């Protein structure tokens, strides 16, 4: 998932759209190299979209273009409309997908722009929508982006650095209660208030290193055995800065409505907050919002038009986890539209 954009939607150079700004060849190559990473659960994603009808798959988190390239290679009758909030990802994926010509289009947009972008692109029929949520490895590896607690950099965490407030503003303005609630929602539990108080006492904080040191000092030694003490704090701040859960909640119903009959929505989530939203949206979709008691015939008039492709979630194989550690926490879910 990607951070809040300024609302600007950039056109790609595809023949399907008006031409827009592109990076220079040298700059584009540098960005593509910087954004090179292995897509999570790529084989599973390709297999899940194998039965969908010809049309457009919307890759709402196109990133470096790995999933999109795999889909386009496997299905010559599909097009991909890629979205991303990160300008570096947009540049990298455009370069990665250039060989597919007008079958691949990439736009700079956030999740809540999904319906507008699809309508403007005349992308119907929508055969599928893919979300690969969370922060990408290239974003973590770019020290200057401020996502990582392992290096000292400006406290930013915006996936779109061209607009919106960074993590420094949140860290230096939120109250103890607000920070406590934020940290608690991301797994800090009983330590959330202790960490929040330490952060407020140490303000102003301007760099990732300063924040990581404050969190580490506030966490008792036994709790540090769970991993780096700042991991959940940085995750909480990143999610808040980019309104990731709000953007996802707004996009899921739109994605479900966009699907043509036989189309599929596939989501890869990496933490419980994301996964709860996905499960809830899928449950609503497959019941049509039925309010009748479980086990009894529906009399409320609900008309479900979706069904689960499989129950529960799928995880990466041990072989993929060994090859790509980011896949370890991935949970994949899929739903299909079965009626007009």
Protein backbone atom coordinates (compact mmCIF):
# COMPACT_ATOMS: atom_id res chain seq x y z
CA UNK A 1 0.00 0.00 0.00
CA UNK A 2 1.11 3.55 -0.70
CA UNK A 3 0.85 6.86 1.10
CA UNK A 4 -1.54 9.80 0.49
CA UNK A 5 -0.98 11.53 -2.83
CA UNK A 6 -1.83 15.08 -3.73
CA UNK A 7 -4.75 13.77 -5.75
CA UNK A 8 -2.86 14.18 -9.00
CA UNK A 9 -3.37 11.39 -11.51
CA UNK A 10 -0.59 11.17 -14.08
CA UNK A 11 -1.13 9.67 -17.49
CA UNK A 12 1.27 7.11 -18.86
CA UNK A 13 2.75 7.20 -22.31
CA UNK A 14 0.51 4.35 -23.47
CA UNK A 15 -1.54 4.84 -26.57
CA UNK A 16 -4.64 4.34 -24.43
CA UNK A 17 -4.05 7.66 -22.68
CA UNK A 18 -2.87 11.18 -23.31
CA UNK A 19 0.89 11.35 -23.02
CA UNK A 20 2.23 12.68 -19.73
CA UNK A 21 5.53 13.38 -17.98
CA UNK A 22 8.07 10.60 -18.01
CA UNK A 23 11.51 10.18 -16.53
CA UNK A 24 14.63 10.47 -18.67
CA UNK A 25 16.15 7.16 -19.82
CA UNK A 26 19.05 7.40 -17.36
CA UNK A 27 16.82 8.49 -14.48
CA UNK A 28 14.23 5.86 -15.39
CA UNK A 29 16.85 3.13 -15.37
CA UNK A 30 18.11 4.25 -11.96
CA UNK A 31 14.58 4.22 -10.54
CA UNK A 32 13.80 0.83 -12.06
CA UNK A 33 16.96 -0.64 -10.56
CA UNK A 34 16.17 0.93 -7.19
CA UNK A 35 12.67 -0.57 -7.25
CA UNK A 36 13.69 -4.06 -8.38
CA UNK A 37 12.28 -6.67 -6.02
CA UNK A 38 10.65 -10.07 -6.08
CA UNK A 39 6.83 -9.94 -6.00
CA UNK A 40 5.24 -11.96 -3.21
CA UNK A 41 3.12 -15.02 -4.11
CA UNK A 42 3.51 -14.27 -7.82
CA UNK A 43 2.75 -17.81 -9.01
CA UNK A 44 -0.40 -17.94 -6.86
CA UNK A 45 -1.55 -14.57 -8.19
CA UNK A 46 -1.10 -15.67 -11.81
CA UNK A 47 -2.99 -18.91 -11.12
CA UNK A 48 -5.88 -17.07 -9.46
CA UNK A 49 -6.33 -14.77 -12.46
CA UNK A 50 -5.97 -17.59 -15.00
CA UNK A 51 -9.76 -18.26 -15.24
CA UNK A 52 -10.92 -14.63 -15.45
CA UNK A 53 -12.45 -13.38 -18.72
CA UNK A 54 -10.43 -11.19 -21.12
CA UNK A 55 -10.28 -7.56 -20.09
CA UNK A 56 -8.33 -5.33 -17.71
CA UNK A 57 -6.72 -6.29 -14.44
CA UNK A 58 -6.25 -3.30 -12.14
CA UNK A 59 -3.02 -3.67 -10.17
CA UNK A 60 -3.78 -1.15 -7.45
CA UNK A 61 -0.27 -1.45 -5.96
CA UNK A 62 1.84 -1.86 -9.07
CA UNK A 63 5.15 -1.17 -7.30
CA UNK A 64 8.02 -2.35 -9.48
CA UNK A 65 5.64 -4.06 -11.90
CA UNK A 66 6.47 -7.64 -10.93
CA UNK A 67 2.93 -8.98 -10.56
CA UNK A 68 1.78 -6.99 -13.60
CA UNK A 69 4.56 -8.36 -15.81
CA UNK A 70 3.79 -11.93 -14.72
CA UNK A 71 0.09 -11.49 -15.52
CA UNK A 72 0.72 -9.90 -18.90
CA UNK A 73 3.15 -12.66 -19.84
CA UNK A 74 0.74 -15.41 -18.81
CA UNK A 75 -2.40 -13.93 -20.41
CA UNK A 76 -2.01 -12.21 -23.81
CA UNK A 77 -5.74 -11.35 -23.70
CA UNK A 78 -5.38 -9.21 -20.57
CA UNK A 79 -4.39 -5.60 -20.11
CA UNK A 80 -3.10 -4.12 -16.86
CA UNK A 81 -3.97 -0.73 -15.42
CA UNK A 82 -1.39 -0.14 -12.69
CA UNK A 83 -1.79 2.36 -9.85
CA UNK A 84 0.70 3.50 -7.25
CA UNK A 85 1.07 6.43 -4.88
CA UNK A 86 4.86 6.36 -4.97
CA UNK A 87 6.30 8.39 -7.87
CA UNK A 88 9.44 6.22 -7.88
CA UNK A 89 7.30 3.10 -8.26
CA UNK A 90 5.33 4.71 -11.09
CA UNK A 91 8.53 5.50 -12.99
CA UNK A 92 10.01 2.05 -12.35
CA UNK A 93 6.90 0.11 -13.33
CA UNK A 94 6.40 2.14 -16.50
CA UNK A 95 9.89 1.20 -17.56
CA UNK A 96 9.47 -2.44 -16.49
CA UNK A 97 6.20 -2.78 -18.45
CA UNK A 98 7.16 -0.75 -21.53
CA UNK A 99 7.75 -3.89 -23.60
CA UNK A 100 4.05 -4.77 -23.32
CA UNK A 101 3.08 -1.63 -25.25
CA UNK A 102 -0.49 -0.40 -24.85
CA UNK A 103 -1.45 -3.49 -22.86
CA UNK A 104 0.13 -1.82 -19.80
CA UNK A 105 -0.80 1.58 -18.40
CA UNK A 106 0.45 3.05 -15.13
CA UNK A 107 -1.13 5.95 -13.26
CA UNK A 108 -0.01 7.90 -10.20
CA UNK A 109 -2.99 7.53 -7.87
CA UNK A 110 -4.09 6.41 -4.41
CA UNK A 111 -6.62 3.71 -3.53
CA UNK A 112 -9.46 6.17 -3.09
CA UNK A 113 -8.92 7.29 -6.71
CA UNK A 114 -9.65 3.76 -7.97
CA UNK A 115 -13.12 4.31 -9.41
CA UNK A 116 -12.19 7.63 -11.00
CA UNK A 117 -9.05 6.24 -12.62
CA UNK A 118 -10.80 3.16 -14.03
CA UNK A 119 -13.64 5.29 -15.42
CA UNK A 120 -11.22 7.77 -16.99
CA UNK A 121 -9.18 4.97 -18.52
CA UNK A 122 -12.18 3.32 -20.17
CA UNK A 123 -10.77 0.09 -18.71
CA UNK A 124 -14.00 -1.94 -18.77
CA UNK A 125 -14.52 -4.81 -18.56
CA UNK A 126 -12.56 -5.16 -15.31
CA UNK A 127 -11.50 -8.80 -15.14
CA UNK A 128 -9.66 -8.45 -11.88
CA UNK A 129 -8.26 -6.19 -9.17
CA UNK A 130 -5.08 -6.91 -7.23
CA UNK A 131 -3.90 -5.31 -3.98
CA UNK A 132 -0.44 -6.17 -2.63
CA UNK A 133 -0.55 -4.12 0.56
CA UNK A 134 2.08 -2.74 2.90
CA UNK A 135 5.47 -1.19 2.32
CA UNK A 136 7.78 -2.59 -0.34
CA UNK A 137 11.38 -3.69 0.10
CA UNK A 138 12.74 -0.87 -2.12
CA UNK A 139 10.94 1.71 0.02
CA UNK A 140 12.50 0.26 3.16
CA UNK A 141 15.91 0.09 1.52
CA UNK A 142 15.89 3.77 0.50
CA UNK A 143 17.25 5.30 3.69
CA UNK A 144 16.20 8.83 2.74
CA UNK A 145 12.52 7.80 2.64
CA UNK A 146 12.49 7.40 6.43
CA UNK A 147 10.64 4.07 6.61
CA UNK A 148 13.35 2.07 8.35
CA UNK A 149 14.40 2.11 11.99
CA UNK A 150 17.75 0.55 11.06
CA UNK A 151 19.34 3.74 9.68
CA UNK A 152 19.26 7.43 10.55
CA UNK A 153 17.28 9.58 8.13
CA UNK A 154 14.63 12.33 8.13
CA UNK A 155 11.47 11.12 9.85
CA UNK A 156 9.24 11.05 6.78
CA UNK A 157 7.47 7.74 5.87
CA UNK A 158 5.35 9.27 3.09
CA UNK A 159 4.98 6.96 0.13
CA UNK A 160 4.23 10.03 -1.94
CA UNK A 161 6.84 12.55 -0.82
CA UNK A 162 5.31 15.26 -3.04
CA UNK A 163 2.47 16.03 -0.64
CA UNK A 164 0.98 15.58 2.80
CA UNK A 165 2.50 15.65 6.27
CA UNK A 166 5.32 13.31 7.22
CA UNK A 167 5.83 11.23 10.34
CA UNK A 168 7.79 14.03 11.99
CA UNK A 169 4.65 16.18 12.21
CA UNK A 170 2.63 13.35 13.74
CA UNK A 171 5.34 12.39 16.23
CA UNK A 172 5.85 15.98 17.34
CA UNK A 173 2.20 17.05 17.58
CA UNK A 174 0.12 14.05 18.75
CA UNK A 175 -0.85 13.77 22.41
CA UNK A 176 0.18 10.92 24.69
CA UNK A 177 -3.34 9.48 24.42
CA UNK A 178 -3.30 9.65 20.62
CA UNK A 179 0.09 7.99 20.35
CA UNK A 180 -0.91 5.36 22.91
CA UNK A 181 -3.98 4.40 20.90
CA UNK A 182 -1.93 4.30 17.71
CA UNK A 183 0.78 2.08 19.17
CA UNK A 184 -1.71 -0.19 20.94
CA UNK A 185 -3.60 -0.78 17.69
CA UNK A 186 -0.37 -2.12 16.20
CA UNK A 187 0.45 -4.66 18.87
CA UNK A 188 2.33 -2.77 21.54
CA UNK A 189 -0.29 -3.57 24.19
CA UNK A 190 0.73 -2.66 27.72
CA UNK A 191 3.88 -0.87 26.54
CA UNK A 192 2.00 1.55 24.29
CA UNK A 193 1.54 4.30 26.90
CA UNK A 194 5.06 3.92 28.21
CA UNK A 195 6.46 4.39 24.70
CA UNK A 196 4.10 7.29 23.96
CA UNK A 197 5.19 9.13 27.11
CA UNK A 198 8.85 8.64 26.22
CA UNK A 199 8.27 9.99 22.72
CA UNK A 200 6.46 13.09 23.97
CA UNK A 201 9.14 13.72 26.62
CA UNK A 202 11.91 13.56 24.02
CA UNK A 203 10.34 15.92 21.50
CA UNK A 204 11.23 17.39 19.10
CA UNK A 205 12.28 14.28 17.19
CA UNK A 206 13.43 14.79 13.61
CA UNK A 207 15.12 11.58 12.49
CA UNK A 208 14.40 7.88 12.42
CA UNK A 209 17.48 7.21 14.51
CA UNK A 210 16.34 9.56 17.27
CA UNK A 211 12.91 7.93 17.41
CA UNK A 212 14.31 4.40 17.37
CA UNK A 213 16.65 5.23 20.25
CA UNK A 214 13.82 6.73 22.31
CA UNK A 215 11.61 3.67 21.76
CA UNK A 216 14.46 1.25 22.54
CA UNK A 217 15.20 3.05 25.81
CA UNK A 218 11.52 2.93 26.81
CA UNK A 219 11.12 -0.81 26.24
CA UNK A 220 12.26 -3.18 29.03
CA UNK A 221 15.04 -5.60 28.13
CA UNK A 222 12.84 -8.75 28.23
CA UNK A 223 10.46 -7.25 25.64
CA UNK A 224 13.34 -6.65 23.24
CA UNK A 225 13.69 -10.37 22.64
CA UNK A 226 10.63 -10.17 20.34
CA UNK A 227 12.69 -8.26 17.80
CA UNK A 228 13.66 -4.64 17.32
CA UNK A 229 11.63 -2.60 19.84
CA UNK A 230 10.84 0.11 17.27
CA UNK A 231 9.37 -2.21 14.64
CA UNK A 232 5.72 -1.90 15.64
CA UNK A 233 6.04 1.80 16.41
CA UNK A 234 7.39 2.53 12.94
CA UNK A 235 4.66 0.38 11.39
CA UNK A 236 1.99 2.27 13.35
CA UNK A 237 3.32 5.65 12.29
CA UNK A 238 3.65 4.62 8.64
CA UNK A 239 0.06 3.36 8.54
CA UNK A 240 -1.22 6.56 10.16
CA UNK A 241 0.85 8.94 8.02
CA UNK A 242 -0.42 7.28 4.86
CA UNK A 243 -3.98 6.60 6.11
CA UNK A 244 -3.48 3.08 4.81
CA UNK A 245 -6.48 1.50 6.51
CA UNK A 246 -8.81 4.33 5.55
CA UNK A 247 -7.70 4.18 1.94
CA UNK A 248 -8.12 0.40 1.85
CA UNK A 249 -11.58 0.55 3.44
CA UNK A 250 -12.66 3.07 0.79
CA UNK A 251 -11.24 1.06 -2.12
CA UNK A 252 -12.45 -2.49 -1.39
CA UNK A 253 -16.19 -1.89 -2.04
CA UNK A 254 -15.34 0.03 -5.22
CA UNK A 255 -13.12 -2.83 -6.43
CA UNK A 256 -15.87 -5.37 -5.79
CA UNK A 257 -18.40 -3.28 -7.72
CA UNK A 258 -16.03 -2.81 -10.67
CA UNK A 259 -15.62 -6.52 -11.35
CA UNK A 260 -17.26 -8.01 -14.41
CA UNK A 261 -18.95 -11.39 -14.05
CA UNK A 262 -16.21 -13.97 -13.60
CA UNK A 263 -13.77 -11.31 -12.44
CA UNK A 264 -11.75 -11.70 -9.25
CA UNK A 265 -10.46 -9.48 -6.46
CA UNK A 266 -7.19 -10.74 -4.95
CA UNK A 267 -5.64 -9.15 -1.86
CA UNK A 268 -2.30 -9.83 -0.17
CA UNK A 269 -2.18 -8.43 3.37
CA UNK A 270 0.72 -8.34 5.80
CA UNK A 271 -0.73 -7.42 9.18
CA UNK A 272 -3.90 -8.06 11.11
CA UNK A 273 -5.46 -4.63 10.62
CA UNK A 274 -5.36 -4.96 6.85
CA UNK A 275 -6.50 -8.57 6.94
CA UNK A 276 -9.52 -7.76 9.15
CA UNK A 277 -10.70 -5.15 6.66
CA UNK A 278 -10.32 -7.60 3.78
CA UNK A 279 -12.16 -10.39 5.60
CA UNK A 280 -14.96 -8.02 6.53
CA UNK A 281 -15.36 -6.70 2.98
CA UNK A 282 -15.36 -10.22 1.56
CA UNK A 283 -17.92 -11.42 4.13
CA UNK A 284 -20.19 -8.53 3.20
CA UNK A 285 -19.76 -9.31 -0.48
CA UNK A 286 -20.50 -13.04 -0.34
CA UNK A 287 -23.60 -12.57 1.84
CA UNK A 288 -24.89 -9.52 0.01
CA UNK A 289 -25.17 -7.86 3.41
CA UNK A 290 -27.65 -10.45 4.67
CA UNK A 291 -28.86 -9.69 8.21
CA UNK A 292 -30.73 -12.95 8.82
CA UNK A 293 -29.62 -15.27 11.66
CA UNK A 294 -26.94 -17.78 10.61
CA UNK A 295 -28.34 -21.16 9.56
CA UNK A 296 -31.79 -19.86 8.63
CA UNK A 297 -33.11 -19.07 5.13
CA UNK A 298 -32.55 -15.49 3.99
CA UNK A 299 -35.71 -13.39 4.16
CA UNK A 300 -34.13 -9.95 4.22
CA UNK A 301 -33.83 -9.67 0.45
CA UNK A 302 -30.05 -9.79 0.23
CA UNK A 303 -28.73 -10.59 -3.23
CA UNK A 304 -25.09 -11.73 -3.09
CA UNK A 305 -23.22 -11.56 -6.38
CA UNK A 306 -19.79 -12.71 -5.15
CA UNK A 307 -18.38 -15.93 -3.75
CA UNK A 308 -15.10 -16.86 -2.09
CA UNK A 309 -12.60 -18.53 -4.38
CA UNK A 310 -11.36 -20.50 -1.35
CA UNK A 311 -11.99 -20.32 2.38
CA UNK A 312 -9.51 -18.65 4.68
CA UNK A 313 -6.17 -17.37 3.45
CA UNK A 314 -3.19 -18.80 1.65
CA UNK A 315 0.41 -18.34 2.74
CA UNK A 316 3.77 -18.50 1.04
CA UNK A 317 5.52 -21.84 0.84
CA UNK A 318 8.60 -22.45 3.02
CA UNK A 319 10.69 -22.27 -0.16
CA UNK A 320 9.39 -18.79 -0.99
CA UNK A 321 9.86 -17.59 2.58
CA UNK A 322 13.48 -18.78 2.47
CA UNK A 323 13.97 -16.89 -0.78
CA UNK A 324 11.97 -13.78 0.12
CA UNK A 325 11.53 -12.99 3.81
CA UNK A 326 8.86 -10.37 3.08
CA UNK A 327 6.49 -13.20 2.09
CA UNK A 328 6.54 -14.73 5.58
CA UNK A 329 3.68 -12.61 6.92
CA UNK A 330 1.68 -12.49 3.68
CA UNK A 331 -1.96 -13.64 3.71
CA UNK A 332 -3.69 -13.99 0.35
CA UNK A 333 -7.49 -13.93 -0.05
CA UNK A 334 -9.64 -13.98 -3.20
CA UNK A 335 -13.29 -13.44 -4.15
CA UNK A 336 -15.06 -13.83 -7.50
CA UNK A 337 -18.08 -12.08 -8.98
CA UNK A 338 -20.53 -14.79 -10.04
CA UNK A 339 -23.54 -12.73 -11.13
CA UNK A 340 -24.01 -9.50 -13.16
